[in-house]
N, C-alpha and C. Protein backbone atom coordinates (compact mmCIF):
# COMPACT_ATOMS: atom_id res chain seq x y z
N MET A 1 -19.96 -11.83 -41.78
CA MET A 1 -19.52 -11.76 -40.69
C MET A 1 -19.35 -10.33 -39.91
N VAL A 2 -19.19 -9.10 -40.88
CA VAL A 2 -18.81 -8.29 -40.53
C VAL A 2 -19.75 -7.60 -39.58
N GLN A 3 -21.54 -8.03 -39.11
CA GLN A 3 -22.21 -7.96 -37.94
C GLN A 3 -21.82 -8.55 -37.11
N ALA A 4 -21.05 -9.37 -37.01
CA ALA A 4 -20.53 -10.09 -35.77
C ALA A 4 -19.24 -9.65 -34.65
N THR A 5 -18.58 -9.37 -35.78
CA THR A 5 -17.53 -7.83 -34.96
C THR A 5 -17.80 -7.50 -33.81
N PRO A 6 -18.73 -6.35 -34.31
CA PRO A 6 -19.39 -5.85 -32.69
C PRO A 6 -19.89 -6.60 -32.10
N LEU A 7 -20.44 -7.51 -31.86
CA LEU A 7 -21.12 -8.58 -30.79
C LEU A 7 -20.07 -9.10 -30.05
N LEU A 8 -18.58 -10.07 -31.51
CA LEU A 8 -17.48 -10.35 -30.37
C LEU A 8 -16.83 -9.18 -29.22
N LEU A 9 -16.68 -7.84 -29.90
CA LEU A 9 -15.69 -7.54 -28.95
C LEU A 9 -16.96 -7.22 -27.78
N VAL A 10 -18.29 -6.47 -27.93
CA VAL A 10 -18.87 -6.55 -26.97
C VAL A 10 -18.80 -7.56 -25.61
N LEU A 11 -18.47 -8.86 -26.02
CA LEU A 11 -18.73 -9.98 -25.38
C LEU A 11 -17.14 -9.70 -24.83
N PHE A 12 -15.89 -9.84 -25.34
CA PHE A 12 -15.01 -9.35 -25.19
C PHE A 12 -14.86 -8.85 -23.81
N LEU A 13 -15.31 -7.27 -23.94
CA LEU A 13 -15.34 -6.43 -23.12
C LEU A 13 -16.12 -6.78 -21.64
N ALA A 14 -17.51 -7.23 -21.76
CA ALA A 14 -18.06 -8.06 -20.83
C ALA A 14 -17.37 -8.93 -20.19
N LEU A 15 -16.66 -10.12 -21.04
CA LEU A 15 -16.34 -11.14 -20.27
C LEU A 15 -14.84 -11.21 -20.26
N GLY A 16 -14.04 -10.41 -20.99
CA GLY A 16 -12.60 -10.22 -20.18
C GLY A 16 -12.09 -9.12 -19.69
N ALA A 17 -12.66 -8.03 -19.91
CA ALA A 17 -12.65 -6.86 -19.13
C ALA A 17 -11.93 -7.03 -17.59
N PRO A 18 -12.92 -7.70 -16.47
CA PRO A 18 -12.81 -7.81 -15.72
C PRO A 18 -11.82 -8.56 -15.04
N SER A 19 -11.14 -9.64 -15.90
CA SER A 19 -10.00 -10.12 -15.69
C SER A 19 -9.06 -9.23 -15.71
N LEU A 20 -9.21 -8.28 -16.45
CA LEU A 20 -7.86 -7.34 -16.73
C LEU A 20 -7.64 -6.70 -15.39
N PHE A 21 -8.91 -6.33 -14.50
CA PHE A 21 -8.64 -5.11 -13.41
C PHE A 21 -8.64 -6.46 -12.38
N ALA A 22 -8.80 -7.69 -12.26
CA ALA A 22 -8.67 -8.77 -11.46
C ALA A 22 -7.23 -8.62 -10.63
N GLN A 23 -6.06 -8.29 -11.54
CA GLN A 23 -4.96 -8.15 -11.13
C GLN A 23 -3.88 -6.95 -10.78
N GLN A 24 -4.78 -6.22 -10.59
CA GLN A 24 -4.41 -4.53 -10.38
C GLN A 24 -4.73 -4.57 -9.20
N CYS A 25 -4.01 -3.55 -8.66
CA CYS A 25 -4.09 -3.03 -7.04
C CYS A 25 -4.03 -4.01 -5.84
N ILE A 26 -2.97 -4.75 -5.77
CA ILE A 26 -2.55 -6.05 -4.95
C ILE A 26 -1.31 -5.30 -4.78
N LEU A 27 -1.34 -5.78 -3.48
CA LEU A 27 -0.32 -4.57 -2.59
C LEU A 27 0.92 -5.39 -2.67
N THR A 28 0.63 -7.01 -3.19
CA THR A 28 2.07 -7.95 -2.82
C THR A 28 2.86 -7.49 -3.83
N GLY A 29 4.39 -7.57 -3.18
CA GLY A 29 5.78 -7.45 -4.23
C GLY A 29 6.20 -6.38 -3.61
N ALA A 30 7.38 -5.54 -4.57
CA ALA A 30 8.32 -4.47 -3.90
C ALA A 30 7.60 -2.86 -4.41
N TRP A 31 7.67 -2.43 -3.47
CA TRP A 31 7.42 -0.52 -3.60
C TRP A 31 8.27 0.21 -3.05
N LYS A 32 8.43 1.19 -4.05
CA LYS A 32 9.39 2.25 -3.49
C LYS A 32 9.02 3.68 -3.57
N ASN A 33 9.03 4.99 -2.59
CA ASN A 33 8.23 5.52 -2.35
C ASN A 33 9.46 7.12 -3.48
N ASP A 34 8.94 8.07 -3.52
CA ASP A 34 9.53 9.35 -3.55
C ASP A 34 10.64 9.65 -3.11
N LEU A 35 11.05 9.10 -2.19
CA LEU A 35 11.95 9.76 -1.59
C LEU A 35 13.03 8.77 -1.28
N GLY A 36 12.46 7.59 -1.68
CA GLY A 36 13.76 6.04 -1.81
C GLY A 36 13.67 5.27 -0.77
N SER A 37 12.42 5.20 0.64
CA SER A 37 12.07 4.08 0.93
C SER A 37 11.60 3.04 0.35
N ASN A 38 11.97 2.18 0.73
CA ASN A 38 11.32 0.26 0.15
C ASN A 38 10.51 -0.04 1.25
N MET A 39 9.31 -0.54 0.67
CA MET A 39 8.21 -1.44 0.89
C MET A 39 8.17 -2.86 0.38
N THR A 40 8.18 -3.86 1.14
CA THR A 40 7.82 -5.36 0.54
C THR A 40 6.57 -6.27 1.07
N ILE A 41 5.68 -6.45 0.17
CA ILE A 41 4.51 -7.07 1.12
C ILE A 41 4.43 -8.47 0.72
N LYS A 42 4.54 -9.45 1.76
CA LYS A 42 5.39 -10.73 1.36
C LYS A 42 3.90 -11.65 0.76
N THR A 43 2.75 -11.42 1.11
CA THR A 43 1.43 -12.11 1.21
C THR A 43 -0.09 -11.43 1.45
N ILE A 44 -0.88 -11.55 1.00
CA ILE A 44 -2.24 -10.94 0.97
C ILE A 44 -3.35 -12.71 1.26
N ASP A 45 -3.71 -12.38 2.91
CA ASP A 45 -4.31 -13.36 2.90
C ASP A 45 -6.22 -13.17 2.62
N ALA A 46 -7.04 -14.42 2.43
CA ALA A 46 -8.35 -13.76 2.00
C ALA A 46 -8.63 -13.33 2.78
N ASN A 47 -8.68 -12.39 3.31
CA ASN A 47 -8.83 -11.47 4.24
C ASN A 47 -8.42 -9.67 3.79
N GLY A 48 -7.25 -10.22 3.48
CA GLY A 48 -6.73 -8.53 2.83
C GLY A 48 -5.61 -8.60 3.91
N ASP A 49 -5.76 -9.38 4.78
CA ASP A 49 -4.33 -9.02 6.01
C ASP A 49 -2.84 -9.34 5.16
N PHE A 50 -2.02 -8.60 5.79
CA PHE A 50 -0.80 -8.84 5.00
C PHE A 50 0.73 -7.90 5.93
N ASN A 51 1.62 -8.54 5.87
CA ASN A 51 2.84 -8.63 6.74
C ASN A 51 3.77 -8.43 5.57
N GLY A 52 5.38 -7.38 6.11
CA GLY A 52 6.21 -7.59 5.23
C GLY A 52 7.36 -6.61 6.34
N ILE A 53 8.40 -5.60 5.13
CA ILE A 53 9.58 -5.29 5.96
C ILE A 53 8.97 -3.81 5.20
N TYR A 54 9.54 -2.50 6.13
CA TYR A 54 9.55 -1.52 5.49
C TYR A 54 11.26 -1.10 5.51
N SER A 55 11.55 -0.69 4.73
CA SER A 55 13.07 -0.16 5.11
C SER A 55 13.00 1.85 4.81
N THR A 56 13.19 2.37 5.69
CA THR A 56 12.94 3.85 5.37
C THR A 56 14.43 4.64 5.16
N ALA A 57 14.36 5.05 3.83
CA ALA A 57 15.42 5.99 3.45
C ALA A 57 15.93 7.40 4.50
N VAL A 58 14.32 7.38 5.17
CA VAL A 58 15.01 9.37 6.01
C VAL A 58 14.33 8.74 7.37
N SER A 59 15.12 9.47 8.23
CA SER A 59 14.98 9.27 9.75
C SER A 59 15.47 10.65 10.60
N ALA A 60 14.80 10.69 11.41
CA ALA A 60 15.13 11.64 12.63
C ALA A 60 16.46 10.92 13.85
N SER A 61 16.21 9.79 13.98
CA SER A 61 17.01 8.92 15.44
C SER A 61 18.17 8.97 14.53
N GLN A 62 18.68 9.32 15.55
CA GLN A 62 20.39 9.44 15.39
C GLN A 62 21.35 7.92 15.34
N LYS A 63 20.62 6.55 15.21
CA LYS A 63 20.73 5.24 15.16
C LYS A 63 20.69 4.86 14.14
N MET A 64 21.39 3.68 13.55
CA MET A 64 21.55 3.54 12.74
C MET A 64 19.93 3.08 12.20
N ILE A 65 19.78 3.09 10.67
CA ILE A 65 18.37 2.65 10.34
C ILE A 65 18.32 0.96 9.96
N GLU A 66 17.48 0.44 10.43
CA GLU A 66 17.05 -1.34 10.20
C GLU A 66 15.95 -1.14 9.51
N ASP A 67 15.90 -2.30 8.69
CA ASP A 67 14.59 -2.99 8.33
C ASP A 67 13.42 -3.04 9.29
N SER A 68 12.28 -2.63 9.18
CA SER A 68 11.73 -2.46 10.20
C SER A 68 10.28 -3.75 9.71
N PRO A 69 9.58 -4.24 10.91
CA PRO A 69 8.06 -5.25 10.34
C PRO A 69 6.76 -4.26 10.15
N LEU A 70 6.23 -4.53 9.41
CA LEU A 70 5.15 -3.93 8.81
C LEU A 70 3.72 -4.87 8.97
N GLN A 71 2.33 -4.58 9.35
CA GLN A 71 1.22 -5.40 9.44
C GLN A 71 0.48 -4.40 8.87
N GLY A 72 -0.16 -4.84 7.78
CA GLY A 72 -1.75 -3.94 7.88
C GLY A 72 -2.82 -4.96 7.08
N SER A 73 -4.05 -4.18 6.60
CA SER A 73 -4.71 -4.84 5.99
C SER A 73 -5.26 -3.95 4.38
N GLN A 74 -5.66 -4.46 3.80
CA GLN A 74 -6.64 -4.04 2.43
C GLN A 74 -7.86 -4.71 2.40
N HIS A 75 -8.50 -3.46 1.61
CA HIS A 75 -10.21 -3.99 1.02
C HIS A 75 -9.52 -4.48 -0.25
N LEU A 76 -10.19 -5.88 -0.45
CA LEU A 76 -9.88 -6.74 -1.50
C LEU A 76 -10.04 -6.18 -3.14
N PRO A 77 -9.54 -5.76 -3.71
CA PRO A 77 -9.92 -4.75 -5.11
C PRO A 77 -11.04 -5.81 -5.71
N ASN A 78 -11.82 -4.94 -6.16
CA ASN A 78 -13.01 -5.36 -7.52
C ASN A 78 -13.18 -4.64 -8.31
N ARG A 79 -14.12 -5.09 -9.56
CA ARG A 79 -13.99 -3.63 -10.70
C ARG A 79 -14.29 -2.28 -10.55
N LEU A 80 -14.78 -2.31 -9.52
CA LEU A 80 -16.03 -0.86 -9.22
C LEU A 80 -15.04 0.31 -8.78
N ASN A 81 -14.31 -0.15 -8.00
CA ASN A 81 -13.18 0.76 -7.11
C ASN A 81 -11.53 0.43 -6.99
N TYR A 82 -11.51 1.18 -6.59
CA TYR A 82 -9.25 0.58 -6.53
C TYR A 82 -9.56 0.91 -4.79
N PRO A 83 -8.89 -0.49 -3.71
CA PRO A 83 -8.76 -0.51 -2.80
C PRO A 83 -8.12 0.39 -2.19
N THR A 84 -8.56 0.35 -0.76
CA THR A 84 -8.08 1.42 0.48
C THR A 84 -7.33 0.29 1.12
N PHE A 85 -6.05 0.85 2.03
CA PHE A 85 -5.16 0.03 2.83
C PHE A 85 -5.41 0.85 4.11
N GLY A 86 -4.34 -0.03 5.05
CA GLY A 86 -3.70 0.67 6.06
C GLY A 86 -2.47 -0.22 6.63
N PHE A 87 -1.35 0.13 7.08
CA PHE A 87 -0.89 -0.36 7.56
C PHE A 87 0.68 0.31 8.48
N THR A 88 0.99 -0.58 9.64
CA THR A 88 1.43 -0.24 10.95
C THR A 88 2.90 -0.64 10.91
N VAL A 89 4.02 0.23 10.55
CA VAL A 89 5.40 0.52 10.84
C VAL A 89 5.71 0.32 12.25
N HIS A 90 6.36 -0.90 13.04
CA HIS A 90 7.05 -0.86 14.06
C HIS A 90 8.68 -0.57 13.72
N TRP A 91 8.54 0.83 14.02
CA TRP A 91 10.56 0.75 13.90
C TRP A 91 11.56 0.34 14.55
N ARG A 92 12.18 -0.55 14.34
CA ARG A 92 13.39 -1.42 15.29
C ARG A 92 14.68 -0.50 15.84
N PHE A 93 14.41 0.83 14.91
CA PHE A 93 15.76 1.77 15.20
C PHE A 93 15.39 2.59 15.97
N SER A 94 14.31 2.88 16.64
CA SER A 94 13.75 4.43 16.96
C SER A 94 12.19 3.52 18.17
N GLU A 95 12.20 4.62 19.33
CA GLU A 95 10.88 4.58 20.16
C GLU A 95 9.71 4.75 19.67
N SER A 96 9.24 4.54 17.80
CA SER A 96 8.09 5.36 17.26
C SER A 96 7.34 4.58 16.16
N ILE A 97 6.23 4.56 16.40
CA ILE A 97 5.80 3.89 15.53
C ILE A 97 4.78 4.51 14.49
N THR A 98 5.05 4.63 12.99
CA THR A 98 4.23 5.12 12.24
C THR A 98 2.89 4.10 11.66
N VAL A 99 1.43 4.96 11.69
CA VAL A 99 0.89 4.54 10.71
C VAL A 99 0.26 4.94 9.73
N PHE A 100 0.06 3.71 8.13
CA PHE A 100 -0.27 4.54 7.00
C PHE A 100 -1.36 4.66 6.64
N THR A 101 -2.35 5.16 5.81
CA THR A 101 -3.69 4.24 5.46
C THR A 101 -3.46 5.50 3.85
N GLY A 102 -3.94 4.77 3.11
CA GLY A 102 -4.01 5.14 1.46
C GLY A 102 -4.94 4.44 0.69
N GLN A 103 -4.83 4.20 -0.78
CA GLN A 103 -5.65 3.93 -1.60
C GLN A 103 -4.71 3.62 -2.84
N CYS A 104 -4.85 2.53 -3.61
CA CYS A 104 -4.12 2.39 -4.71
C CYS A 104 -5.03 2.29 -5.87
N PHE A 105 -4.24 3.01 -6.71
CA PHE A 105 -4.78 3.63 -7.98
C PHE A 105 -4.12 3.02 -9.49
N VAL A 106 -4.55 3.27 -10.54
CA VAL A 106 -4.17 2.36 -11.22
C VAL A 106 -4.14 3.86 -12.20
N ASP A 107 -2.83 4.47 -13.10
CA ASP A 107 -2.33 5.77 -13.96
C ASP A 107 -3.08 4.99 -15.50
N LYS A 108 -2.78 5.92 -16.25
CA LYS A 108 -3.05 6.49 -17.57
C LYS A 108 -2.55 5.19 -18.45
N HIS A 109 -1.21 4.71 -18.07
CA HIS A 109 -0.40 4.00 -18.79
C HIS A 109 -0.86 2.58 -17.92
N GLY A 110 -1.46 2.37 -17.01
CA GLY A 110 -1.26 1.19 -16.32
C GLY A 110 -0.96 0.86 -15.12
N LYS A 111 -0.19 1.93 -14.50
CA LYS A 111 0.85 1.70 -13.51
C LYS A 111 -0.09 1.67 -12.66
N GLU A 112 0.41 0.61 -11.50
CA GLU A 112 -0.51 0.78 -10.39
C GLU A 112 0.56 2.00 -9.40
N VAL A 113 -0.32 2.65 -8.62
CA VAL A 113 0.28 3.72 -7.74
C VAL A 113 -0.58 3.84 -6.23
N LEU A 114 0.26 3.91 -5.10
CA LEU A 114 -0.43 3.84 -4.06
C LEU A 114 -0.19 5.37 -3.57
N LYS A 115 -1.41 5.52 -3.14
CA LYS A 115 -1.18 7.07 -3.09
C LYS A 115 -1.65 7.45 -1.27
N THR A 116 -0.83 7.59 -0.26
CA THR A 116 -0.66 7.63 1.29
C THR A 116 -0.25 8.91 1.84
N MET A 117 -1.15 8.61 3.23
CA MET A 117 -0.84 10.04 4.33
C MET A 117 -0.21 8.94 5.28
N TRP A 118 0.52 9.50 6.41
CA TRP A 118 1.35 8.80 7.45
C TRP A 118 1.14 9.54 8.63
N LEU A 119 0.75 8.63 10.19
CA LEU A 119 1.25 10.11 11.11
C LEU A 119 2.44 9.04 11.72
N LEU A 120 2.95 9.91 12.42
CA LEU A 120 4.17 9.22 12.99
C LEU A 120 3.90 9.41 14.69
N ARG A 121 4.54 8.05 15.62
CA ARG A 121 4.09 8.59 17.17
C ARG A 121 5.83 8.30 17.62
N ASP A 122 6.22 9.04 18.31
CA ASP A 122 7.46 9.41 18.91
C ASP A 122 7.01 8.89 20.47
N HIS A 123 7.87 8.50 21.03
CA HIS A 123 7.69 8.35 22.54
C HIS A 123 7.75 9.58 23.33
N ALA A 124 6.81 10.17 24.32
CA ALA A 124 7.04 11.04 25.17
C ALA A 124 7.38 10.44 26.41
N ASP A 125 7.66 11.18 27.15
CA ASP A 125 8.63 10.58 28.09
C ASP A 125 7.91 11.62 29.61
N LYS A 126 6.72 12.04 29.20
CA LYS A 126 5.77 12.28 30.33
C LYS A 126 4.60 13.17 29.82
N LEU A 127 3.60 13.32 30.28
CA LEU A 127 2.41 13.72 29.34
C LEU A 127 2.66 15.13 29.09
N GLY A 128 3.35 15.97 30.24
CA GLY A 128 3.60 17.15 29.50
C GLY A 128 4.10 17.22 27.76
N ASN A 129 4.70 16.22 27.85
CA ASN A 129 5.31 16.24 26.35
C ASN A 129 4.41 15.63 25.25
N ASN A 130 3.51 15.41 25.54
CA ASN A 130 2.58 14.91 24.21
C ASN A 130 2.17 15.18 23.20
N TRP A 131 2.04 17.07 23.22
CA TRP A 131 1.68 17.34 22.05
C TRP A 131 3.06 17.54 21.06
N ASN A 132 4.11 17.10 21.43
CA ASN A 132 5.12 17.02 20.20
C ASN A 132 5.95 16.29 20.06
N ALA A 133 4.85 14.76 20.23
CA ALA A 133 5.16 13.68 20.02
C ALA A 133 4.68 13.09 18.46
N THR A 134 3.66 13.46 18.05
CA THR A 134 2.83 12.95 17.06
C THR A 134 3.39 14.13 15.72
């Protein structure tokens, strides 16, 4: 029986380990960033497309902040890498759009972490003001 133990462990790792990774780095659910903004992803379809709501905690707008819709796409995760994703937020309270791109990782404690970069485009009233609108 002692000789069977290593074989069973290897079989578990070979058969069981992929299922441990299968549920990680799926964006569905609620996320909160370091500044207190909240994002909720409702569902992700078979192609990796999703929608949701983004509620920012920071804004340069003088208007009251409103929850804003987002649409995006995620590469579906597999056991060999961490998926990349991107989404666009159409702000309801300002004349701007923000695009986010990033990747999901799993830290050493098993927690999913999203690392993103973003680009905000504000409305420019004329071509000469284009330089400071992004």
